[in-house]
N, C-alpha and C. Protein backbone atom coordinates (compact mmCIF):
# COMPACT_ATOMS: atom_id res chain seq x y z
N MET A 1 14.77 4.07 -21.01
CA MET A 1 13.91 3.04 -20.47
C MET A 1 13.63 3.33 -18.99
N THR A 2 14.62 3.82 -18.29
CA THR A 2 14.43 4.15 -16.88
C THR A 2 13.35 5.19 -16.68
N THR A 3 13.35 6.22 -17.52
CA THR A 3 12.35 7.27 -17.40
C THR A 3 10.96 6.72 -17.65
N LEU A 4 10.80 5.89 -18.67
CA LEU A 4 9.51 5.28 -18.94
C LEU A 4 9.04 4.41 -17.81
N PHE A 5 9.99 3.69 -17.22
CA PHE A 5 9.63 2.82 -16.11
C PHE A 5 9.12 3.65 -14.94
N LEU A 6 9.82 4.71 -14.63
CA LEU A 6 9.40 5.53 -13.49
C LEU A 6 8.07 6.22 -13.72
N LEU A 7 7.76 6.58 -14.94
CA LEU A 7 6.49 7.21 -15.22
C LEU A 7 5.33 6.26 -14.86
N GLY A 8 5.59 4.98 -14.89
CA GLY A 8 4.58 4.01 -14.52
C GLY A 8 4.23 4.06 -13.05
N TRP A 9 5.12 4.59 -12.22
CA TRP A 9 4.88 4.69 -10.77
C TRP A 9 4.04 5.90 -10.41
N ALA A 10 4.07 6.94 -11.23
CA ALA A 10 3.40 8.19 -10.87
C ALA A 10 1.90 8.01 -10.58
N PRO A 11 1.14 7.27 -11.42
CA PRO A 11 -0.29 7.12 -11.16
C PRO A 11 -0.58 6.42 -9.82
N MET A 12 0.36 5.57 -9.38
CA MET A 12 0.11 4.87 -8.13
C MET A 12 0.04 5.83 -6.95
N ALA A 13 0.84 6.85 -6.95
CA ALA A 13 0.84 7.80 -5.86
C ALA A 13 -0.53 8.46 -5.74
N LEU A 14 -1.17 8.69 -6.86
CA LEU A 14 -2.47 9.33 -6.87
C LEU A 14 -3.60 8.36 -6.55
N ALA A 15 -3.38 7.08 -6.75
CA ALA A 15 -4.42 6.08 -6.64
C ALA A 15 -4.76 5.71 -5.19
N HIS A 16 -3.96 6.06 -4.22
CA HIS A 16 -4.16 5.62 -2.86
C HIS A 16 -5.34 6.27 -2.17
N GLY A 17 -5.70 7.48 -2.58
CA GLY A 17 -6.84 8.17 -1.95
C GLY A 17 -8.13 7.43 -2.19
N GLY A 18 -8.89 7.24 -1.14
CA GLY A 18 -10.19 6.60 -1.25
C GLY A 18 -10.18 5.09 -1.26
N VAL A 19 -9.03 4.46 -1.05
CA VAL A 19 -8.98 3.00 -0.98
C VAL A 19 -9.61 2.55 0.32
N GLU A 20 -10.61 1.67 0.22
CA GLU A 20 -11.33 1.25 1.41
C GLU A 20 -10.83 -0.09 1.98
N ASP A 21 -10.39 -0.97 1.14
CA ASP A 21 -9.95 -2.29 1.59
C ASP A 21 -8.53 -2.17 2.20
N PRO A 22 -8.37 -2.54 3.48
CA PRO A 22 -7.04 -2.40 4.11
C PRO A 22 -5.99 -3.29 3.48
N GLN A 23 -6.39 -4.46 2.95
CA GLN A 23 -5.43 -5.35 2.30
C GLN A 23 -4.90 -4.70 1.01
N VAL A 24 -5.81 -4.11 0.26
CA VAL A 24 -5.39 -3.44 -0.95
C VAL A 24 -4.50 -2.24 -0.63
N LEU A 25 -4.85 -1.49 0.38
CA LEU A 25 -4.04 -0.35 0.78
C LEU A 25 -2.64 -0.81 1.19
N ALA A 26 -2.53 -1.91 1.91
CA ALA A 26 -1.22 -2.43 2.30
C ALA A 26 -0.39 -2.79 1.06
N ARG A 27 -1.04 -3.41 0.08
CA ARG A 27 -0.32 -3.77 -1.17
C ARG A 27 0.16 -2.50 -1.86
N MET A 28 -0.72 -1.53 -1.94
CA MET A 28 -0.37 -0.28 -2.63
C MET A 28 0.79 0.44 -1.92
N GLU A 29 0.76 0.41 -0.61
CA GLU A 29 1.84 1.05 0.16
C GLU A 29 3.18 0.31 -0.06
N GLY A 30 3.11 -1.02 -0.15
CA GLY A 30 4.33 -1.77 -0.42
C GLY A 30 4.92 -1.43 -1.80
N MET A 31 4.03 -1.31 -2.78
CA MET A 31 4.47 -0.93 -4.13
C MET A 31 5.00 0.49 -4.14
N LYS A 32 4.39 1.35 -3.36
CA LYS A 32 4.86 2.74 -3.27
C LYS A 32 6.28 2.76 -2.68
N ARG A 33 6.53 1.92 -1.68
CA ARG A 33 7.89 1.89 -1.12
C ARG A 33 8.89 1.41 -2.16
N LEU A 34 8.49 0.42 -2.95
CA LEU A 34 9.39 -0.03 -4.03
C LEU A 34 9.65 1.11 -5.01
N GLY A 35 8.61 1.83 -5.37
CA GLY A 35 8.74 2.95 -6.29
C GLY A 35 9.64 4.04 -5.76
N THR A 36 9.56 4.31 -4.47
CA THR A 36 10.39 5.32 -3.85
C THR A 36 11.86 4.93 -3.98
N GLU A 37 12.18 3.68 -3.71
CA GLU A 37 13.58 3.21 -3.82
C GLU A 37 14.07 3.23 -5.26
N MET A 38 13.19 2.82 -6.18
CA MET A 38 13.57 2.85 -7.58
C MET A 38 13.81 4.28 -8.08
N LYS A 39 13.00 5.21 -7.60
CA LYS A 39 13.16 6.61 -7.98
C LYS A 39 14.48 7.13 -7.43
N LEU A 40 14.82 6.80 -6.21
CA LEU A 40 16.10 7.21 -5.65
C LEU A 40 17.24 6.74 -6.54
N LEU A 41 17.22 5.47 -6.89
CA LEU A 41 18.29 4.90 -7.74
C LEU A 41 18.30 5.57 -9.10
N SER A 42 17.14 5.83 -9.64
CA SER A 42 17.06 6.46 -10.97
C SER A 42 17.64 7.87 -10.95
N THR A 43 17.29 8.65 -9.94
CA THR A 43 17.82 10.03 -9.90
C THR A 43 19.32 10.03 -9.73
N MET A 44 19.87 9.08 -9.02
CA MET A 44 21.34 8.97 -8.91
C MET A 44 21.95 8.54 -10.23
N ALA A 45 21.32 7.55 -10.87
CA ALA A 45 21.86 7.06 -12.14
C ALA A 45 21.87 8.13 -13.20
N LYS A 46 20.86 9.02 -13.20
CA LYS A 46 20.78 10.07 -14.20
C LYS A 46 21.58 11.31 -13.81
N GLY A 47 22.17 11.31 -12.65
CA GLY A 47 22.98 12.47 -12.23
C GLY A 47 22.12 13.62 -11.70
N GLU A 48 20.86 13.39 -11.40
CA GLU A 48 20.00 14.42 -10.85
C GLU A 48 20.21 14.58 -9.35
N ARG A 49 20.93 13.64 -8.79
CA ARG A 49 21.22 13.61 -7.36
C ARG A 49 22.64 13.06 -7.22
N ASP A 50 23.36 13.48 -6.19
CA ASP A 50 24.69 12.97 -5.97
C ASP A 50 24.66 11.46 -5.76
N PHE A 51 25.62 10.78 -6.31
CA PHE A 51 25.75 9.35 -6.12
C PHE A 51 26.30 9.08 -4.71
N GLU A 52 25.60 8.22 -3.97
CA GLU A 52 26.02 7.82 -2.63
C GLU A 52 25.89 6.31 -2.51
N ALA A 53 27.04 5.64 -2.48
CA ALA A 53 27.06 4.19 -2.50
C ALA A 53 26.26 3.58 -1.34
N GLU A 54 26.31 4.19 -0.17
CA GLU A 54 25.58 3.66 0.97
C GLU A 54 24.07 3.73 0.77
N LYS A 55 23.59 4.83 0.19
CA LYS A 55 22.15 4.94 -0.10
C LYS A 55 21.73 3.95 -1.16
N VAL A 56 22.61 3.71 -2.13
CA VAL A 56 22.32 2.70 -3.17
C VAL A 56 22.17 1.34 -2.51
N ARG A 57 23.12 1.01 -1.64
CA ARG A 57 23.09 -0.30 -0.96
C ARG A 57 21.81 -0.46 -0.14
N ARG A 58 21.43 0.58 0.59
CA ARG A 58 20.20 0.51 1.40
C ARG A 58 18.96 0.36 0.52
N ALA A 59 18.93 1.11 -0.59
CA ALA A 59 17.77 1.04 -1.48
C ALA A 59 17.61 -0.36 -2.06
N ILE A 60 18.71 -0.96 -2.46
CA ILE A 60 18.65 -2.31 -3.04
C ILE A 60 18.23 -3.31 -1.99
N THR A 61 18.71 -3.13 -0.76
CA THR A 61 18.31 -4.02 0.34
C THR A 61 16.79 -3.88 0.59
N ARG A 62 16.30 -2.66 0.58
CA ARG A 62 14.86 -2.44 0.81
C ARG A 62 14.02 -3.03 -0.35
N ILE A 63 14.52 -2.90 -1.57
CA ILE A 63 13.82 -3.48 -2.71
C ILE A 63 13.74 -4.99 -2.54
N GLU A 64 14.84 -5.60 -2.16
CA GLU A 64 14.85 -7.05 -1.93
C GLU A 64 13.85 -7.43 -0.83
N GLU A 65 13.84 -6.69 0.26
CA GLU A 65 12.91 -6.99 1.37
C GLU A 65 11.47 -6.82 0.94
N GLU A 66 11.16 -5.72 0.25
CA GLU A 66 9.78 -5.49 -0.20
C GLU A 66 9.33 -6.55 -1.21
N ALA A 67 10.23 -6.92 -2.10
CA ALA A 67 9.92 -7.96 -3.08
C ALA A 67 9.53 -9.27 -2.39
N GLY A 68 10.22 -9.57 -1.29
CA GLY A 68 9.91 -10.76 -0.54
C GLY A 68 8.54 -10.73 0.11
N GLN A 69 7.99 -9.53 0.30
CA GLN A 69 6.67 -9.39 0.91
C GLN A 69 5.53 -9.40 -0.12
N ILE A 70 5.85 -9.24 -1.38
CA ILE A 70 4.79 -9.14 -2.39
C ILE A 70 3.85 -10.35 -2.36
N PRO A 71 4.33 -11.59 -2.38
CA PRO A 71 3.37 -12.70 -2.34
C PRO A 71 2.49 -12.71 -1.08
N VAL A 72 3.06 -12.33 0.04
CA VAL A 72 2.29 -12.28 1.29
C VAL A 72 1.19 -11.24 1.19
N LEU A 73 1.51 -10.09 0.63
CA LEU A 73 0.53 -9.02 0.53
C LEU A 73 -0.61 -9.33 -0.47
N PHE A 74 -0.27 -10.12 -1.49
CA PHE A 74 -1.27 -10.42 -2.53
C PHE A 74 -1.95 -11.77 -2.33
N GLU A 75 -1.51 -12.56 -1.37
CA GLU A 75 -2.10 -13.87 -1.21
C GLU A 75 -3.61 -13.82 -0.98
N PRO A 76 -4.10 -12.97 -0.08
CA PRO A 76 -5.55 -12.85 0.02
C PRO A 76 -6.09 -12.13 -1.21
N GLU A 77 -7.09 -12.69 -1.82
CA GLU A 77 -7.70 -12.03 -2.99
C GLU A 77 -8.60 -10.90 -2.51
N ALA A 78 -8.08 -9.72 -2.55
CA ALA A 78 -8.81 -8.53 -2.11
C ALA A 78 -8.89 -7.56 -3.28
N GLN A 79 -10.04 -6.94 -3.44
CA GLN A 79 -10.23 -5.98 -4.53
C GLN A 79 -10.77 -4.67 -3.98
N ASP A 80 -10.53 -3.64 -4.73
CA ASP A 80 -10.98 -2.33 -4.38
C ASP A 80 -11.11 -1.58 -5.72
N PRO A 81 -12.07 -0.71 -5.88
CA PRO A 81 -12.19 0.00 -7.17
C PRO A 81 -10.91 0.77 -7.55
N LYS A 82 -10.12 1.15 -6.57
CA LYS A 82 -8.89 1.89 -6.85
C LYS A 82 -7.69 0.98 -7.15
N SER A 83 -7.85 -0.30 -6.95
CA SER A 83 -6.76 -1.25 -7.15
C SER A 83 -6.40 -1.37 -8.61
N GLU A 84 -5.13 -1.51 -8.90
CA GLU A 84 -4.65 -1.75 -10.27
C GLU A 84 -4.19 -3.19 -10.43
N ALA A 85 -4.48 -4.02 -9.44
CA ALA A 85 -4.10 -5.43 -9.51
C ALA A 85 -5.02 -6.15 -10.48
N HIS A 86 -4.47 -6.81 -11.46
CA HIS A 86 -5.26 -7.57 -12.43
C HIS A 86 -5.77 -8.86 -11.77
N PRO A 87 -7.02 -9.20 -11.97
CA PRO A 87 -7.59 -10.42 -11.34
C PRO A 87 -6.82 -11.69 -11.65
N SER A 88 -6.08 -11.72 -12.76
CA SER A 88 -5.35 -12.93 -13.12
C SER A 88 -4.25 -13.24 -12.11
N ILE A 89 -3.93 -12.31 -11.24
CA ILE A 89 -2.91 -12.59 -10.20
C ILE A 89 -3.30 -13.84 -9.44
N TRP A 90 -4.56 -13.93 -9.05
CA TRP A 90 -4.99 -15.03 -8.21
C TRP A 90 -5.25 -16.30 -9.02
N ASP A 91 -5.54 -16.18 -10.30
CA ASP A 91 -5.67 -17.37 -11.15
C ASP A 91 -4.30 -17.96 -11.48
N GLU A 92 -3.30 -17.10 -11.50
CA GLU A 92 -1.94 -17.52 -11.87
C GLU A 92 -0.96 -17.18 -10.76
N PHE A 93 -1.40 -17.45 -9.52
CA PHE A 93 -0.62 -16.99 -8.37
C PHE A 93 0.79 -17.60 -8.36
N HIS A 94 0.93 -18.82 -8.80
CA HIS A 94 2.27 -19.45 -8.84
C HIS A 94 3.21 -18.63 -9.71
N ASP A 95 2.75 -18.23 -10.91
CA ASP A 95 3.57 -17.39 -11.78
C ASP A 95 3.80 -16.02 -11.16
N PHE A 96 2.76 -15.44 -10.58
CA PHE A 96 2.91 -14.13 -9.94
C PHE A 96 3.96 -14.18 -8.83
N ARG A 97 3.89 -15.23 -8.03
CA ARG A 97 4.89 -15.39 -6.96
C ARG A 97 6.29 -15.51 -7.57
N GLY A 98 6.40 -16.18 -8.69
CA GLY A 98 7.67 -16.32 -9.36
C GLY A 98 8.20 -14.98 -9.84
N GLN A 99 7.30 -14.12 -10.29
CA GLN A 99 7.69 -12.76 -10.72
C GLN A 99 8.25 -11.98 -9.52
N ALA A 100 7.58 -12.07 -8.40
CA ALA A 100 8.06 -11.39 -7.19
C ALA A 100 9.43 -11.94 -6.76
N GLN A 101 9.58 -13.25 -6.85
CA GLN A 101 10.85 -13.87 -6.50
C GLN A 101 11.96 -13.43 -7.46
N ALA A 102 11.60 -13.22 -8.72
CA ALA A 102 12.60 -12.74 -9.70
C ALA A 102 13.13 -11.37 -9.31
N LEU A 103 12.24 -10.51 -8.82
CA LEU A 103 12.68 -9.18 -8.37
C LEU A 103 13.58 -9.31 -7.14
N GLU A 104 13.15 -10.15 -6.22
CA GLU A 104 13.95 -10.36 -5.01
C GLU A 104 15.33 -10.92 -5.38
N GLU A 105 15.39 -11.87 -6.29
CA GLU A 105 16.67 -12.45 -6.73
C GLU A 105 17.50 -11.43 -7.49
N ALA A 106 16.86 -10.60 -8.31
CA ALA A 106 17.60 -9.54 -9.03
C ALA A 106 18.26 -8.59 -8.06
N ALA A 107 17.54 -8.19 -7.03
CA ALA A 107 18.11 -7.31 -6.01
C ALA A 107 19.23 -8.04 -5.25
N ASN A 108 19.00 -9.28 -4.91
CA ASN A 108 20.00 -10.06 -4.18
C ASN A 108 21.26 -10.24 -4.99
N SER A 109 21.13 -10.35 -6.32
CA SER A 109 22.28 -10.57 -7.18
C SER A 109 23.18 -9.32 -7.25
N LEU A 110 22.67 -8.22 -6.75
CA LEU A 110 23.46 -6.98 -6.73
C LEU A 110 24.17 -6.82 -5.40
N SER A 111 24.59 -7.91 -4.81
CA SER A 111 25.23 -7.88 -3.51
C SER A 111 26.62 -7.25 -3.52
N GLU A 112 27.25 -7.25 -4.67
CA GLU A 112 28.55 -6.55 -4.77
C GLU A 112 28.27 -5.05 -4.66
N PRO A 113 29.05 -4.35 -3.87
CA PRO A 113 28.79 -2.90 -3.73
C PRO A 113 28.87 -2.18 -5.08
N ILE A 114 27.88 -1.32 -5.29
CA ILE A 114 27.88 -0.47 -6.50
C ILE A 114 28.57 0.81 -6.11
N GLU A 115 29.71 1.04 -6.70
CA GLU A 115 30.57 2.14 -6.26
C GLU A 115 30.57 3.34 -7.19
N SER A 116 29.80 3.29 -8.29
CA SER A 116 29.84 4.43 -9.21
C SER A 116 28.50 4.58 -9.91
N ARG A 117 28.24 5.76 -10.41
CA ARG A 117 27.05 6.04 -11.20
C ARG A 117 27.01 5.13 -12.42
N GLN A 118 28.17 4.92 -13.02
CA GLN A 118 28.22 4.07 -14.22
C GLN A 118 27.80 2.64 -13.93
N ALA A 119 28.13 2.14 -12.77
CA ALA A 119 27.74 0.77 -12.40
C ALA A 119 26.28 0.69 -11.99
N LEU A 120 25.72 1.82 -11.56
CA LEU A 120 24.34 1.84 -11.11
C LEU A 120 23.36 1.66 -12.27
N GLY A 121 23.67 2.23 -13.41
CA GLY A 121 22.77 2.16 -14.56
C GLY A 121 22.37 0.74 -14.92
N PRO A 122 23.33 -0.16 -15.16
CA PRO A 122 22.96 -1.54 -15.51
C PRO A 122 22.21 -2.25 -14.38
N ALA A 123 22.54 -1.94 -13.12
CA ALA A 123 21.83 -2.55 -12.01
C ALA A 123 20.35 -2.09 -12.00
N LEU A 124 20.17 -0.82 -12.26
CA LEU A 124 18.81 -0.27 -12.28
C LEU A 124 18.00 -0.86 -13.41
N VAL A 125 18.61 -1.04 -14.55
CA VAL A 125 17.90 -1.66 -15.68
C VAL A 125 17.50 -3.09 -15.31
N LYS A 126 18.40 -3.83 -14.66
CA LYS A 126 18.08 -5.20 -14.27
C LYS A 126 16.86 -5.23 -13.35
N LEU A 127 16.80 -4.34 -12.38
CA LEU A 127 15.64 -4.28 -11.49
C LEU A 127 14.40 -3.81 -12.24
N GLY A 128 14.56 -2.78 -13.04
CA GLY A 128 13.42 -2.20 -13.76
C GLY A 128 12.77 -3.17 -14.74
N VAL A 129 13.57 -3.95 -15.42
CA VAL A 129 13.02 -4.92 -16.37
C VAL A 129 12.19 -5.96 -15.61
N THR A 130 12.66 -6.37 -14.47
CA THR A 130 11.92 -7.34 -13.67
C THR A 130 10.58 -6.78 -13.21
N CYS A 131 10.59 -5.52 -12.75
CA CYS A 131 9.34 -4.86 -12.36
C CYS A 131 8.39 -4.74 -13.54
N LYS A 132 8.92 -4.31 -14.68
CA LYS A 132 8.09 -4.08 -15.85
C LYS A 132 7.43 -5.37 -16.33
N GLU A 133 8.16 -6.47 -16.31
CA GLU A 133 7.58 -7.74 -16.75
C GLU A 133 6.36 -8.10 -15.93
N CYS A 134 6.44 -7.90 -14.63
CA CYS A 134 5.30 -8.22 -13.76
C CYS A 134 4.15 -7.20 -14.01
N HIS A 135 4.50 -5.94 -14.08
CA HIS A 135 3.46 -4.92 -14.32
C HIS A 135 2.75 -5.14 -15.66
N ASP A 136 3.49 -5.51 -16.67
CA ASP A 136 2.87 -5.76 -17.98
C ASP A 136 1.81 -6.83 -17.91
N GLU A 137 2.05 -7.83 -17.09
CA GLU A 137 1.12 -8.95 -17.00
C GLU A 137 0.06 -8.79 -15.92
N TYR A 138 0.41 -8.21 -14.80
CA TYR A 138 -0.47 -8.26 -13.66
C TYR A 138 -0.97 -6.90 -13.11
N ARG A 139 -0.70 -5.86 -13.83
CA ARG A 139 -1.19 -4.53 -13.39
C ARG A 139 -2.10 -3.98 -14.47
N GLU A 140 -3.29 -3.55 -14.07
CA GLU A 140 -4.25 -2.97 -15.02
C GLU A 140 -3.88 -1.55 -15.33
């Protein structure tokens, strides 16, 4: 599941070129930062990178901080041909905000230090499921 989740981030890296609306670009950059942190956690969980508890802690903190910014970044209804934001975000903004809060809360719930690769896997799934639920509904 982790691999499938991360594959969803790859197109975003390519989509930033040619974005004209600064609000849309800011949203995309925020999502890119989330993806970077998730990728770091994923590579550690899969053993592709050495496990480092301090880097895990920082990544989770950054995910929590970025999640808290999602509603702020999406509050203005801005569109761009390169945007993958589904228009229903603004029709259902209360639910969308709740999805962002769920990610923030999921990251916050991981306040106990993750001290091993084995403990990182379930934490990553918890974060990934929250991201996927929002993307399934609000990302084109």
